[in-house]
Amino acid sequence: MPGIKVDSDDVFENALKRFRKQVERAGVVSECRRREAYEKPSIASKRKEAAARKRLMKRLSRIRRREARYF
């Protein structure tokens, strides 16, 4: 859970900026948006498979680009 300590001489805007950064790094907002509506298990697994496929294709394209430099 993100949280910050605010000193008495600290400016509110700076404290808010630090808090927002911590919330973003922790992934609170994205998790909240993901849980806004119920997602059926079958749709969740399809989404995860699509993300895995996308990661694999991205990794393969990086490898192919590196290998193309050597030829």
Protein backbone atom coordinates (compact mmCIF):
# COMPACT_ATOMS: atom_id res chain seq x y z
CA MET A 1 0.00 0.00 0.00
CA PRO A 2 1.56 3.29 -1.06
CA GLY A 3 2.03 5.94 1.57
CA ILE A 4 4.25 8.92 2.19
CA LYS A 5 5.30 10.93 5.22
CA VAL A 6 4.72 14.64 4.94
CA ASP A 7 6.92 17.00 6.93
CA SER A 8 5.55 20.25 8.31
CA ASP A 9 7.69 22.29 5.91
CA ASP A 10 6.81 20.12 2.89
CA VAL A 11 4.75 21.65 0.08
CA PHE A 12 1.44 19.88 -0.60
CA GLU A 13 1.97 19.71 -4.37
CA ASN A 14 5.33 17.96 -3.93
CA ALA A 15 3.83 15.47 -1.49
CA LEU A 16 0.95 14.77 -3.88
CA LYS A 17 3.40 14.26 -6.74
CA ARG A 18 5.41 11.73 -4.68
CA PHE A 19 2.23 9.91 -3.68
CA ARG A 20 1.01 9.68 -7.28
CA LYS A 21 4.37 8.24 -8.35
CA GLN A 22 4.18 5.59 -5.63
CA VAL A 23 0.61 4.69 -6.62
CA GLU A 24 1.63 4.39 -10.26
CA ARG A 25 4.63 2.19 -9.45
CA ALA A 26 2.51 -0.06 -7.24
CA GLY A 27 -0.02 -0.52 -10.05
CA VAL A 28 -3.00 0.44 -7.92
CA VAL A 29 -4.85 2.36 -10.64
CA SER A 30 -4.41 -0.31 -13.30
CA GLU A 31 -5.52 -3.00 -10.86
CA CYS A 32 -8.58 -0.94 -9.96
CA ARG A 33 -9.52 -0.50 -13.61
CA ARG A 34 -9.02 -4.20 -14.24
CA ARG A 35 -11.42 -5.08 -11.41
CA GLU A 36 -14.13 -2.56 -12.32
CA ALA A 37 -16.19 -5.22 -14.08
CA TYR A 38 -16.29 -8.98 -13.70
CA GLU A 39 -14.21 -10.88 -16.22
CA LYS A 40 -15.15 -14.45 -16.97
CA PRO A 41 -12.35 -16.98 -16.41
CA SER A 42 -12.40 -18.02 -20.07
CA ILE A 43 -11.94 -14.42 -21.21
CA ALA A 44 -9.20 -13.88 -18.63
CA SER A 45 -7.28 -16.91 -19.89
CA LYS A 46 -7.67 -15.77 -23.51
CA ARG A 47 -6.36 -12.32 -22.56
CA LYS A 48 -3.38 -13.87 -20.78
CA GLU A 49 -2.63 -16.13 -23.76
CA ALA A 50 -2.77 -13.16 -26.13
CA ALA A 51 -0.39 -11.21 -23.90
CA ALA A 52 2.01 -14.17 -23.79
CA ARG A 53 1.85 -14.50 -27.58
CA LYS A 54 2.57 -10.79 -27.96
CA ARG A 55 5.57 -11.03 -25.61
CA LEU A 56 6.90 -14.02 -27.56
CA MET A 57 6.56 -12.26 -30.92
CA LYS A 58 8.27 -9.17 -29.51
CA ARG A 59 11.15 -11.28 -28.18
CA LEU A 60 11.51 -13.11 -31.51
CA SER A 61 11.58 -9.87 -33.48
CA ARG A 62 14.33 -8.53 -31.22
CA ILE A 63 16.38 -11.70 -31.73
CA ARG A 64 15.87 -11.56 -35.50
CA ARG A 65 16.97 -7.92 -35.62
CA ARG A 66 20.13 -8.76 -33.67
CA GLU A 67 20.92 -11.70 -35.96
CA ALA A 68 20.31 -9.60 -39.07
CA ARG A 69 23.11 -7.25 -38.03
CA TYR A 70 25.68 -10.03 -38.25
CA PHE A 71 24.91 -10.95 -41.87
